[in-house]
């Protein structure tokens, strides 16, 4: 899944640069842009050469391994809160029917569970006579 994360980050950077300047930037330039974001927003340094190497590995189809801090920062760059949110969104995109069914089932289970106020109302109704004495 880190492979998709790296490729998505570079794709976003490519789109941003293309929209801003009208020019397609090289992988080295894109990795510099992402590295600068990581330094400014996430407050840690991840060198552009490391990012470029990770991109080249991902682009070749091999498995990419990232530290959790790097993965979370890339997810922030993509607009997700953390890596877990990125995974959940990818799962929803890959299996929209299963996700929709799971959400329906989950919402029905939530409706079936009664709140504390409803439970208290039931107890009072069952024990009205006892409560009056």
C-alpha atoms as a PDB file:
ATOM      1  CA  UNK A   1       0.000   0.000   0.000  1.00  0.00           C
ATOM      2  CA  UNK A   2       3.008   2.312   0.469  1.00  0.00           C
ATOM      3  CA  UNK A   3       3.610   1.991  -3.260  1.00  0.00           C
ATOM      4  CA  UNK A   4       0.203   3.547  -3.986  1.00  0.00           C
ATOM      5  CA  UNK A   5       0.863   6.248  -1.410  1.00  0.00           C
ATOM      6  CA  UNK A   6       4.149   7.295  -3.021  1.00  0.00           C
ATOM      7  CA  UNK A   7       2.702   7.221  -6.531  1.00  0.00           C
ATOM      8  CA  UNK A   8      -0.339   9.228  -5.417  1.00  0.00           C
ATOM      9  CA  UNK A   9       1.828  11.870  -3.745  1.00  0.00           C
ATOM     10  CA  UNK A  10       3.911  12.324  -6.878  1.00  0.00           C
ATOM     11  CA  UNK A  11       0.785  12.425  -9.034  1.00  0.00           C
ATOM     12  CA  UNK A  12      -0.690  15.175  -6.842  1.00  0.00           C
ATOM     13  CA  UNK A  13       2.560  17.156  -6.952  1.00  0.00           C
ATOM     14  CA  UNK A  14       2.661  16.794 -10.741  1.00  0.00           C
ATOM     15  CA  UNK A  15      -0.917  18.111 -11.065  1.00  0.00           C
ATOM     16  CA  UNK A  16      -0.266  21.043  -8.717  1.00  0.00           C
ATOM     17  CA  UNK A  17       2.853  22.113 -10.609  1.00  0.00           C
ATOM     18  CA  UNK A  18       1.151  21.683 -13.993  1.00  0.00           C
ATOM     19  CA  UNK A  19      -1.820  23.820 -12.898  1.00  0.00           C
ATOM     20  CA  UNK A  20       0.386  26.505 -11.348  1.00  0.00           C
ATOM     21  CA  UNK A  21       3.012  26.821 -14.058  1.00  0.00           C
ATOM     22  CA  UNK A  22       1.761  24.940 -17.096  1.00  0.00           C
ATOM     23  CA  UNK A  23       5.035  22.992 -17.145  1.00  0.00           C
ATOM     24  CA  UNK A  24       5.595  19.334 -16.394  1.00  0.00           C
ATOM     25  CA  UNK A  25       8.254  19.047 -13.696  1.00  0.00           C
ATOM     26  CA  UNK A  26      10.830  16.262 -13.495  1.00  0.00           C
ATOM     27  CA  UNK A  27      10.713  13.561 -10.833  1.00  0.00           C
ATOM     28  CA  UNK A  28      13.646  15.267  -9.100  1.00  0.00           C
ATOM     29  CA  UNK A  29      11.740  18.556  -8.974  1.00  0.00           C
ATOM     30  CA  UNK A  30       8.610  16.843  -7.700  1.00  0.00           C
ATOM     31  CA  UNK A  31      10.572  15.043  -4.998  1.00  0.00           C
ATOM     32  CA  UNK A  32      12.062  18.417  -3.956  1.00  0.00           C
ATOM     33  CA  UNK A  33       8.549  19.892  -3.731  1.00  0.00           C
ATOM     34  CA  UNK A  34       7.293  17.006  -1.575  1.00  0.00           C
ATOM     35  CA  UNK A  35      10.439  17.091   0.568  1.00  0.00           C
ATOM     36  CA  UNK A  36       9.925  20.820   1.179  1.00  0.00           C
ATOM     37  CA  UNK A  37       6.317  20.138   2.202  1.00  0.00           C
ATOM     38  CA  UNK A  38       7.479  17.483   4.658  1.00  0.00           C
ATOM     39  CA  UNK A  39       9.952  19.909   6.198  1.00  0.00           C
ATOM     40  CA  UNK A  40       7.485  22.809   6.403  1.00  0.00           C
ATOM     41  CA  UNK A  41       4.330  20.981   7.484  1.00  0.00           C
ATOM     42  CA  UNK A  42       5.482  17.803   9.223  1.00  0.00           C
ATOM     43  CA  UNK A  43       8.618  19.288  10.750  1.00  0.00           C
ATOM     44  CA  UNK A  44      11.031  16.572   9.748  1.00  0.00           C
ATOM     45  CA  UNK A  45      13.516  16.179   6.976  1.00  0.00           C
ATOM     46  CA  UNK A  46      13.174  13.460   4.386  1.00  0.00           C
ATOM     47  CA  UNK A  47      15.653  14.046   1.622  1.00  0.00           C
ATOM     48  CA  UNK A  48      14.448  14.494  -1.941  1.00  0.00           C
ATOM     49  CA  UNK A  49      16.827  11.772  -3.150  1.00  0.00           C
ATOM     50  CA  UNK A  50      15.177   9.274  -0.805  1.00  0.00           C
ATOM     51  CA  UNK A  51      11.766  10.261  -2.139  1.00  0.00           C
ATOM     52  CA  UNK A  52      12.981   9.956  -5.714  1.00  0.00           C
ATOM     53  CA  UNK A  53      14.379   6.484  -4.974  1.00  0.00           C
ATOM     54  CA  UNK A  54      11.076   5.420  -3.383  1.00  0.00           C
ATOM     55  CA  UNK A  55       9.221   6.723  -6.437  1.00  0.00           C
ATOM     56  CA  UNK A  56      11.480   4.794  -8.816  1.00  0.00           C
ATOM     57  CA  UNK A  57      10.946   1.601  -6.814  1.00  0.00           C
ATOM     58  CA  UNK A  58       7.172   2.149  -6.793  1.00  0.00           C
ATOM     59  CA  UNK A  59       7.076   2.976 -10.497  1.00  0.00           C
ATOM     60  CA  UNK A  60       8.912  -0.262 -11.301  1.00  0.00           C
ATOM     61  CA  UNK A  61       6.163  -2.202  -9.482  1.00  0.00           C
ATOM     62  CA  UNK A  62       8.229  -3.349  -6.528  1.00  0.00           C
ATOM     63  CA  UNK A  63       7.156  -3.166  -2.894  1.00  0.00           C
ATOM     64  CA  UNK A  64       7.939   0.101  -1.118  1.00  0.00           C
ATOM     65  CA  UNK A  65       8.603   0.292   2.610  1.00  0.00           C
ATOM     66  CA  UNK A  66       8.176   3.617   4.418  1.00  0.00           C
ATOM     67  CA  UNK A  67       8.575   4.633   8.041  1.00  0.00           C
ATOM     68  CA  UNK A  68       5.250   5.451   9.674  1.00  0.00           C
ATOM     69  CA  UNK A  69       6.148   9.139  10.065  1.00  0.00           C
ATOM     70  CA  UNK A  70       6.923   9.418   6.337  1.00  0.00           C
ATOM     71  CA  UNK A  71       3.729   7.571   5.411  1.00  0.00           C
ATOM     72  CA  UNK A  72       1.613   9.779   7.674  1.00  0.00           C
ATOM     73  CA  UNK A  73       3.181  12.956   6.286  1.00  0.00           C
ATOM     74  CA  UNK A  74       2.570  11.831   2.706  1.00  0.00           C
ATOM     75  CA  UNK A  75      -1.033  11.117   3.688  1.00  0.00           C
ATOM     76  CA  UNK A  76      -1.301  14.647   5.095  1.00  0.00           C
ATOM     77  CA  UNK A  77       0.032  15.946   1.792  1.00  0.00           C
ATOM     78  CA  UNK A  78      -2.710  14.020   0.005  1.00  0.00           C
ATOM     79  CA  UNK A  79      -5.362  15.458   2.329  1.00  0.00           C
ATOM     80  CA  UNK A  80      -5.859  12.522   4.678  1.00  0.00           C
ATOM     81  CA  UNK A  81      -5.534  12.749   8.430  1.00  0.00           C
ATOM     82  CA  UNK A  82      -3.230   9.729   8.647  1.00  0.00           C
ATOM     83  CA  UNK A  83      -2.267   6.480   6.945  1.00  0.00           C
ATOM     84  CA  UNK A  84      -5.282   4.644   8.375  1.00  0.00           C
ATOM     85  CA  UNK A  85      -7.640   7.122   6.672  1.00  0.00           C
ATOM     86  CA  UNK A  86      -5.754   6.650   3.412  1.00  0.00           C
ATOM     87  CA  UNK A  87      -6.217   2.871   3.665  1.00  0.00           C
ATOM     88  CA  UNK A  88      -9.942   3.194   4.445  1.00  0.00           C
ATOM     89  CA  UNK A  89     -10.533   5.494   1.491  1.00  0.00           C
ATOM     90  CA  UNK A  90      -8.646   3.160  -0.844  1.00  0.00           C
ATOM     91  CA  UNK A  91     -10.743   0.237   0.379  1.00  0.00           C
ATOM     92  CA  UNK A  92     -13.922   2.214  -0.296  1.00  0.00           C
ATOM     93  CA  UNK A  93     -12.723   3.061  -3.803  1.00  0.00           C
ATOM     94  CA  UNK A  94     -11.757  -0.535  -4.555  1.00  0.00           C
ATOM     95  CA  UNK A  95     -14.943  -2.135  -3.147  1.00  0.00           C
ATOM     96  CA  UNK A  96     -17.739   0.452  -3.261  1.00  0.00           C
ATOM     97  CA  UNK A  97     -20.579  -2.103  -3.126  1.00  0.00           C
ATOM     98  CA  UNK A  98     -19.166  -3.991  -0.134  1.00  0.00           C
ATOM     99  CA  UNK A  99     -18.445  -0.710   1.647  1.00  0.00           C
ATOM    100  CA  UNK A 100     -21.973   0.563   1.044  1.00  0.00           C
ATOM    101  CA  UNK A 101     -23.458  -2.695   2.347  1.00  0.00           C
ATOM    102  CA  UNK A 102     -21.244  -2.552   5.446  1.00  0.00           C
ATOM    103  CA  UNK A 103     -22.315   1.045   6.125  1.00  0.00           C
ATOM    104  CA  UNK A 104     -25.995   0.079   5.804  1.00  0.00           C
ATOM    105  CA  UNK A 105     -25.557  -2.842   8.189  1.00  0.00           C
ATOM    106  CA  UNK A 106     -23.628  -0.660  10.617  1.00  0.00           C
ATOM    107  CA  UNK A 107     -26.286   2.067  10.545  1.00  0.00           C
ATOM    108  CA  UNK A 108     -29.029  -0.515  11.172  1.00  0.00           C
ATOM    109  CA  UNK A 109     -27.103  -1.863  14.155  1.00  0.00           C
ATOM    110  CA  UNK A 110     -26.759   1.646  15.502  1.00  0.00           C
ATOM    111  CA  UNK A 111     -30.509   2.198  15.164  1.00  0.00           C
ATOM    112  CA  UNK A 112     -31.258  -1.092  16.933  1.00  0.00           C
ATOM    113  CA  UNK A 113     -29.264  -0.089  19.997  1.00  0.00           C
ATOM    114  CA  UNK A 114     -31.415   2.053  22.248  1.00  0.00           C
ATOM    115  CA  UNK A 115     -30.010   5.045  24.055  1.00  0.00           C
ATOM    116  CA  UNK A 116     -29.786   5.391  27.825  1.00  0.00           C
ATOM    117  CA  UNK A 117     -32.810   7.729  27.789  1.00  0.00           C
ATOM    118  CA  UNK A 118     -34.936   5.118  26.011  1.00  0.00           C
ATOM    119  CA  UNK A 119     -33.798   2.410  28.428  1.00  0.00           C
ATOM    120  CA  UNK A 120     -34.610   4.609  31.418  1.00  0.00           C
ATOM    121  CA  UNK A 121     -38.061   5.355  29.997  1.00  0.00           C
ATOM    122  CA  UNK A 122     -38.769   1.606  29.634  1.00  0.00           C
ATOM    123  CA  UNK A 123     -37.669   0.893  33.217  1.00  0.00           C
ATOM    124  CA  UNK A 124     -39.885   3.697  34.571  1.00  0.00           C
ATOM    125  CA  UNK A 125     -42.898   2.506  32.566  1.00  0.00           C
ATOM    126  CA  UNK A 126     -42.485  -1.076  33.821  1.00  0.00           C
ATOM    127  CA  UNK A 127     -42.119   0.017  37.414  1.00  0.00           C
ATOM    128  CA  UNK A 128     -44.682   2.854  37.649  1.00  0.00           C
ATOM    129  CA  UNK A 129     -46.630   1.285  40.446  1.00  0.00           C
ATOM    130  CA  UNK A 130     -43.501   0.581  42.469  1.00  0.00           C
ATOM    131  CA  UNK A 131     -42.254   4.111  42.047  1.00  0.00           C
ATOM    132  CA  UNK A 132     -45.523   5.666  43.308  1.00  0.00           C
ATOM    133  CA  UNK A 133     -45.351   3.811  46.626  1.00  0.00           C
END
